[in-house]
N, C-alpha and C. Protein backbone atom coordinates (compact mmCIF):
# COMPACT_ATOMS: atom_id res chain seq x y z
N MET A 1 -17.72 -15.11 21.44
CA MET A 1 -18.31 -14.57 19.99
C MET A 1 -19.87 -15.43 20.17
N VAL A 2 -19.35 -16.68 19.96
CA VAL A 2 -20.66 -17.48 19.96
C VAL A 2 -21.61 -17.44 21.10
N VAL A 3 -21.29 -17.32 22.30
CA VAL A 3 -22.06 -17.16 23.69
C VAL A 3 -22.67 -16.00 23.55
N LEU A 4 -21.80 -14.96 23.09
CA LEU A 4 -22.86 -13.57 23.04
C LEU A 4 -23.69 -13.64 21.74
N GLY A 5 -23.87 -14.21 20.85
CA GLY A 5 -24.79 -14.63 20.08
C GLY A 5 -25.97 -15.31 20.19
N VAL A 6 -25.86 -16.21 21.08
CA VAL A 6 -26.82 -17.08 21.70
C VAL A 6 -27.30 -16.22 22.69
N TYR A 7 -26.85 -15.47 23.50
CA TYR A 7 -27.13 -14.28 24.54
C TYR A 7 -27.87 -12.99 23.94
N ASP A 8 -27.60 -12.67 22.93
CA ASP A 8 -28.23 -12.09 21.95
C ASP A 8 -29.66 -12.17 21.18
N GLY A 9 -29.65 -13.60 21.20
CA GLY A 9 -30.80 -14.27 20.77
C GLY A 9 -30.60 -13.98 19.33
N LEU A 10 -29.26 -14.34 18.43
CA LEU A 10 -28.87 -14.12 16.84
C LEU A 10 -28.75 -15.52 16.77
N MET A 11 -28.55 -16.38 17.38
CA MET A 11 -28.20 -17.77 16.94
C MET A 11 -28.98 -18.59 17.87
N GLU A 12 -29.46 -19.75 17.47
CA GLU A 12 -29.50 -21.28 18.52
C GLU A 12 -28.91 -21.77 19.13
N ILE A 13 -28.60 -22.47 20.10
CA ILE A 13 -27.72 -23.43 20.58
C ILE A 13 -26.89 -24.15 19.50
N PRO A 14 -27.54 -25.32 18.76
CA PRO A 14 -26.87 -25.85 17.66
C PRO A 14 -25.84 -25.29 16.45
N THR A 15 -26.62 -24.00 16.41
CA THR A 15 -26.04 -23.34 15.18
C THR A 15 -24.45 -22.81 15.90
N ALA A 16 -24.44 -22.37 17.51
CA ALA A 16 -23.45 -21.82 18.38
C ALA A 16 -22.51 -22.92 18.23
N VAL A 17 -22.48 -24.32 18.60
CA VAL A 17 -22.21 -25.15 18.87
C VAL A 17 -21.18 -25.57 17.79
N VAL A 18 -21.77 -25.44 16.49
CA VAL A 18 -21.40 -26.01 15.28
C VAL A 18 -19.97 -24.67 14.99
N MET A 19 -20.18 -23.13 15.39
CA MET A 19 -19.74 -22.19 14.81
C MET A 19 -18.30 -22.67 15.77
N ALA A 20 -18.52 -22.94 17.17
CA ALA A 20 -17.42 -23.14 18.08
C ALA A 20 -16.55 -24.14 17.51
N VAL A 21 -17.08 -25.27 17.31
CA VAL A 21 -16.09 -26.36 17.00
C VAL A 21 -15.18 -25.80 15.64
N GLY A 22 -16.13 -25.28 14.60
CA GLY A 22 -15.49 -24.37 13.58
C GLY A 22 -14.12 -23.57 14.12
N TYR A 23 -14.56 -22.67 15.07
CA TYR A 23 -13.49 -21.63 15.57
C TYR A 23 -12.31 -22.65 15.96
N VAL A 24 -12.47 -23.45 16.71
CA VAL A 24 -11.46 -24.31 17.35
C VAL A 24 -10.74 -25.19 16.26
N ILE A 25 -11.21 -25.30 15.04
CA ILE A 25 -10.80 -26.21 13.98
C ILE A 25 -9.69 -25.02 13.47
N LEU A 26 -10.57 -23.75 13.49
CA LEU A 26 -9.72 -23.05 12.87
C LEU A 26 -8.46 -22.17 13.52
N ALA A 27 -8.67 -22.40 14.90
CA ALA A 27 -7.53 -22.20 15.39
C ALA A 27 -6.25 -23.11 15.29
N GLY A 28 -6.43 -24.15 15.11
CA GLY A 28 -5.67 -25.57 15.18
C GLY A 28 -4.91 -24.94 13.77
N ILE A 29 -5.52 -24.88 12.74
CA ILE A 29 -5.63 -24.78 11.38
C ILE A 29 -4.54 -23.60 11.19
N LEU A 30 -4.74 -22.86 12.08
CA LEU A 30 -4.12 -21.27 11.91
C LEU A 30 -2.64 -21.10 12.49
N GLY A 31 -2.42 -21.77 13.46
CA GLY A 31 -1.62 -22.46 14.55
C GLY A 31 -0.44 -23.14 13.89
N LEU A 32 -1.15 -23.87 12.97
CA LEU A 32 -0.15 -25.07 12.35
C LEU A 32 0.67 -24.26 11.20
N GLU A 33 -0.31 -23.39 10.35
CA GLU A 33 0.46 -22.77 9.34
C GLU A 33 1.12 -21.90 9.65
N TRP A 34 0.87 -20.71 10.50
CA TRP A 34 1.36 -19.96 10.84
C TRP A 34 2.76 -20.31 11.48
N GLY A 35 2.85 -21.63 12.34
CA GLY A 35 4.18 -21.91 12.72
C GLY A 35 4.80 -22.57 11.44
N LEU A 36 4.09 -23.46 10.49
CA LEU A 36 5.06 -23.56 9.47
C LEU A 36 6.08 -22.58 8.22
N CYS A 37 5.06 -21.24 8.72
CA CYS A 37 5.64 -20.14 7.67
C CYS A 37 7.00 -19.72 8.55
N VAL A 38 6.55 -19.50 9.93
CA VAL A 38 7.91 -19.44 10.58
C VAL A 38 9.45 -20.56 10.19
N SER A 39 8.57 -21.69 10.32
CA SER A 39 9.88 -22.59 10.08
C SER A 39 10.26 -22.38 8.68
N LEU A 40 9.61 -22.49 7.64
CA LEU A 40 9.89 -22.10 6.46
C LEU A 40 10.93 -21.23 6.06
N THR A 41 10.82 -20.16 6.60
CA THR A 41 11.23 -18.78 6.49
C THR A 41 12.18 -18.32 7.29
N GLY A 42 12.28 -19.04 8.43
CA GLY A 42 13.17 -18.62 9.50
C GLY A 42 12.56 -17.16 10.29
N THR A 43 11.40 -16.46 9.86
CA THR A 43 11.41 -15.00 10.26
C THR A 43 9.88 -15.04 10.48
N LEU A 44 9.35 -14.43 11.35
CA LEU A 44 8.21 -13.80 11.57
C LEU A 44 7.49 -13.25 10.56
N TRP A 45 7.96 -12.50 9.59
CA TRP A 45 7.30 -11.66 9.13
C TRP A 45 6.54 -12.51 7.87
N VAL A 46 6.47 -13.47 7.84
CA VAL A 46 5.63 -14.28 6.52
C VAL A 46 4.68 -14.65 7.44
N GLY A 47 4.78 -15.18 8.41
CA GLY A 47 3.59 -15.49 9.36
C GLY A 47 2.61 -14.14 9.45
N ILE A 48 3.29 -13.02 9.95
CA ILE A 48 2.60 -11.75 10.17
C ILE A 48 1.80 -11.66 9.25
N SER A 49 2.66 -11.39 8.14
CA SER A 49 1.87 -11.37 6.68
C SER A 49 0.54 -12.37 6.28
N GLU A 50 0.82 -13.34 6.57
CA GLU A 50 -0.48 -14.09 6.18
C GLU A 50 -1.58 -13.64 7.19
N HIS A 51 -1.35 -13.62 8.46
CA HIS A 51 -2.43 -13.48 9.23
C HIS A 51 -3.05 -12.17 9.09
N PHE A 52 -2.30 -10.94 8.39
CA PHE A 52 -2.93 -9.98 7.98
C PHE A 52 -3.77 -10.05 6.76
N PHE A 53 -3.41 -11.05 5.79
CA PHE A 53 -4.24 -11.68 4.31
C PHE A 53 -5.52 -12.11 5.04
N ASN A 54 -5.10 -12.78 5.77
CA ASN A 54 -6.33 -13.73 6.51
C ASN A 54 -7.44 -13.11 7.09
N ASN A 55 -7.07 -11.90 8.09
CA ASN A 55 -7.96 -11.34 8.66
C ASN A 55 -8.61 -9.98 7.73
N PHE A 56 -7.84 -9.45 6.62
CA PHE A 56 -8.44 -8.69 5.41
C PHE A 56 -9.63 -9.64 4.87
N ILE A 57 -9.21 -11.30 4.28
CA ILE A 57 -10.19 -11.83 3.70
C ILE A 57 -11.46 -12.21 4.15
N GLY A 58 -11.22 -12.27 5.77
CA GLY A 58 -12.27 -12.62 6.82
C GLY A 58 -13.14 -11.47 7.10
N ASN A 59 -12.68 -10.25 7.04
CA ASN A 59 -13.24 -9.10 7.00
C ASN A 59 -13.92 -8.40 6.13
N THR A 60 -13.39 -8.75 5.03
CA THR A 60 -13.97 -8.07 3.75
C THR A 60 -15.24 -9.02 3.19
N LEU A 61 -14.90 -10.34 2.96
CA LEU A 61 -15.78 -11.20 2.23
C LEU A 61 -16.90 -11.60 2.89
N HIS A 62 -18.19 -10.95 2.38
CA HIS A 62 -19.23 -11.26 3.13
C HIS A 62 -20.11 -11.68 2.26
N VAL A 63 -21.12 -12.37 2.93
CA VAL A 63 -22.40 -12.75 1.74
C VAL A 63 -23.87 -12.52 2.49
N VAL A 64 -24.62 -11.87 2.00
CA VAL A 64 -25.74 -11.79 2.54
C VAL A 64 -26.84 -12.67 2.01
N THR A 65 -27.49 -12.93 3.16
CA THR A 65 -28.53 -14.06 3.08
C THR A 65 -29.79 -13.23 2.98
N GLU A 66 -31.10 -14.24 2.77
CA GLU A 66 -32.38 -13.65 3.12
C GLU A 66 -32.66 -13.14 4.32
N SER A 67 -31.80 -13.80 5.39
CA SER A 67 -32.12 -13.46 6.70
C SER A 67 -31.24 -12.13 7.01
N GLY A 68 -30.59 -11.87 6.02
CA GLY A 68 -29.71 -10.75 6.13
C GLY A 68 -28.29 -10.53 6.93
N THR A 69 -27.70 -12.14 7.46
CA THR A 69 -26.71 -12.28 8.09
C THR A 69 -25.79 -12.99 7.47
N ASP A 70 -24.47 -13.10 7.74
CA ASP A 70 -23.58 -14.02 7.07
C ASP A 70 -23.46 -15.12 7.72
N GLU A 71 -23.99 -16.21 7.80
CA GLU A 71 -24.33 -17.52 8.52
C GLU A 71 -23.36 -18.10 8.01
N LEU A 72 -22.65 -18.33 6.65
CA LEU A 72 -21.61 -19.39 6.60
C LEU A 72 -20.21 -18.93 6.61
N GLN A 73 -20.35 -17.80 6.90
CA GLN A 73 -18.58 -16.75 7.24
C GLN A 73 -17.69 -17.87 7.93
N ILE A 74 -18.10 -18.46 8.85
CA ILE A 74 -17.31 -19.53 9.52
C ILE A 74 -16.57 -20.66 8.67
N ALA A 75 -17.51 -21.03 7.64
CA ALA A 75 -17.47 -22.30 6.99
C ALA A 75 -16.23 -21.87 5.67
N ARG A 76 -16.53 -20.41 5.28
CA ARG A 76 -15.96 -19.97 4.22
C ARG A 76 -14.36 -19.79 4.80
N ILE A 77 -14.22 -19.34 6.13
CA ILE A 77 -13.18 -18.79 6.83
C ILE A 77 -11.95 -20.50 6.53
N VAL A 78 -12.98 -21.09 7.33
CA VAL A 78 -12.33 -22.46 7.55
C VAL A 78 -11.78 -23.09 6.12
N LEU A 79 -12.48 -23.21 5.23
CA LEU A 79 -12.09 -24.11 3.79
C LEU A 79 -11.08 -23.04 3.40
N SER A 80 -11.27 -21.80 3.41
CA SER A 80 -9.83 -20.96 2.57
C SER A 80 -8.59 -20.94 3.60
N ASN A 81 -8.67 -21.42 4.70
CA ASN A 81 -7.60 -21.61 5.63
C ASN A 81 -7.06 -23.15 5.61
N ILE A 82 -8.10 -24.02 5.30
CA ILE A 82 -7.73 -25.44 4.34
C ILE A 82 -6.69 -25.50 3.36
N LEU A 83 -7.18 -24.65 2.84
CA LEU A 83 -6.86 -24.29 1.26
C LEU A 83 -4.89 -23.72 1.18
N SER A 84 -4.97 -22.59 2.33
CA SER A 84 -4.02 -21.86 2.60
C SER A 84 -3.17 -22.97 2.82
N LEU A 85 -3.39 -23.47 4.17
CA LEU A 85 -2.42 -24.72 4.97
C LEU A 85 -1.78 -25.53 3.79
N THR A 86 -2.85 -26.10 3.08
CA THR A 86 -2.16 -27.12 1.64
C THR A 86 -1.12 -26.58 1.35
N ILE A 87 -1.46 -25.59 0.99
CA ILE A 87 -0.48 -24.86 0.14
C ILE A 87 0.91 -24.48 0.45
N VAL A 88 0.92 -23.86 1.94
CA VAL A 88 1.95 -24.01 2.71
C VAL A 88 2.94 -25.14 2.79
N LEU A 89 1.90 -26.55 2.92
CA LEU A 89 2.54 -27.78 3.15
C LEU A 89 3.21 -28.48 2.10
N ILE A 90 2.29 -27.99 0.71
CA ILE A 90 3.40 -28.24 -0.76
C ILE A 90 4.57 -27.54 -0.60
N VAL A 91 4.52 -26.42 -0.46
CA VAL A 91 5.71 -25.23 -0.19
C VAL A 91 6.38 -26.24 0.30
N ASN A 92 6.37 -26.55 1.60
CA ASN A 92 7.44 -27.09 2.77
C ASN A 92 7.76 -28.47 1.99
N ARG A 93 6.96 -29.44 1.52
CA ARG A 93 7.48 -30.54 1.02
C ARG A 93 8.61 -30.53 -0.15
N TYR A 94 8.23 -29.37 -1.24
CA TYR A 94 8.74 -29.21 -2.23
C TYR A 94 10.36 -28.73 -1.70
N LYS A 95 10.24 -28.00 -0.76
CA LYS A 95 11.27 -27.28 -0.42
C LYS A 95 12.32 -28.50 0.46
N LYS A 96 11.42 -29.33 1.10
CA LYS A 96 12.58 -30.59 1.49
C LYS A 96 13.19 -31.23 0.56
N LYS A 97 12.38 -31.79 -0.78
CA LYS A 97 12.96 -32.48 -1.57
C LYS A 97 14.09 -32.10 -2.16
N HIS A 98 13.55 -30.81 -2.47
CA HIS A 98 14.98 -29.41 -3.40
C HIS A 98 15.88 -29.57 -2.42
N LEU A 99 16.04 -29.57 -1.04
CA LEU A 99 16.97 -29.39 -0.07
C LEU A 99 17.63 -30.74 -0.10
N GLN A 100 16.94 -31.70 -0.26
CA GLN A 100 17.92 -32.87 -0.01
C GLN A 100 18.45 -33.43 -1.21
N LYS A 101 18.22 -33.29 -2.51
CA LYS A 101 19.17 -33.06 -3.69
C LYS A 101 19.92 -32.12 -3.74
N THR A 102 20.20 -31.27 -3.32
CA THR A 102 21.38 -30.40 -3.14
C THR A 102 22.67 -31.03 -2.47
């Protein structure tokens, strides 16, 4: 996606590098998050549902700037997924503590 943006002249190379790093970080976060969802529940459906929700938010939440583009979309998506991963980790920690007590 970033290569196409540079090729089409829609973004400069430094912007493309930042976007590419953001996408790599995002892929790692999502892999960890969806794997934890499967590990916590024992089913793929929670991870699939979270993936659907993530795509829905990412494809519907846009901000138009003066230049007319959504320049910080990757930042919003990464931050929202860090928040979502944090929630999954908190639930995981709570579940482990609760299971150890019983």
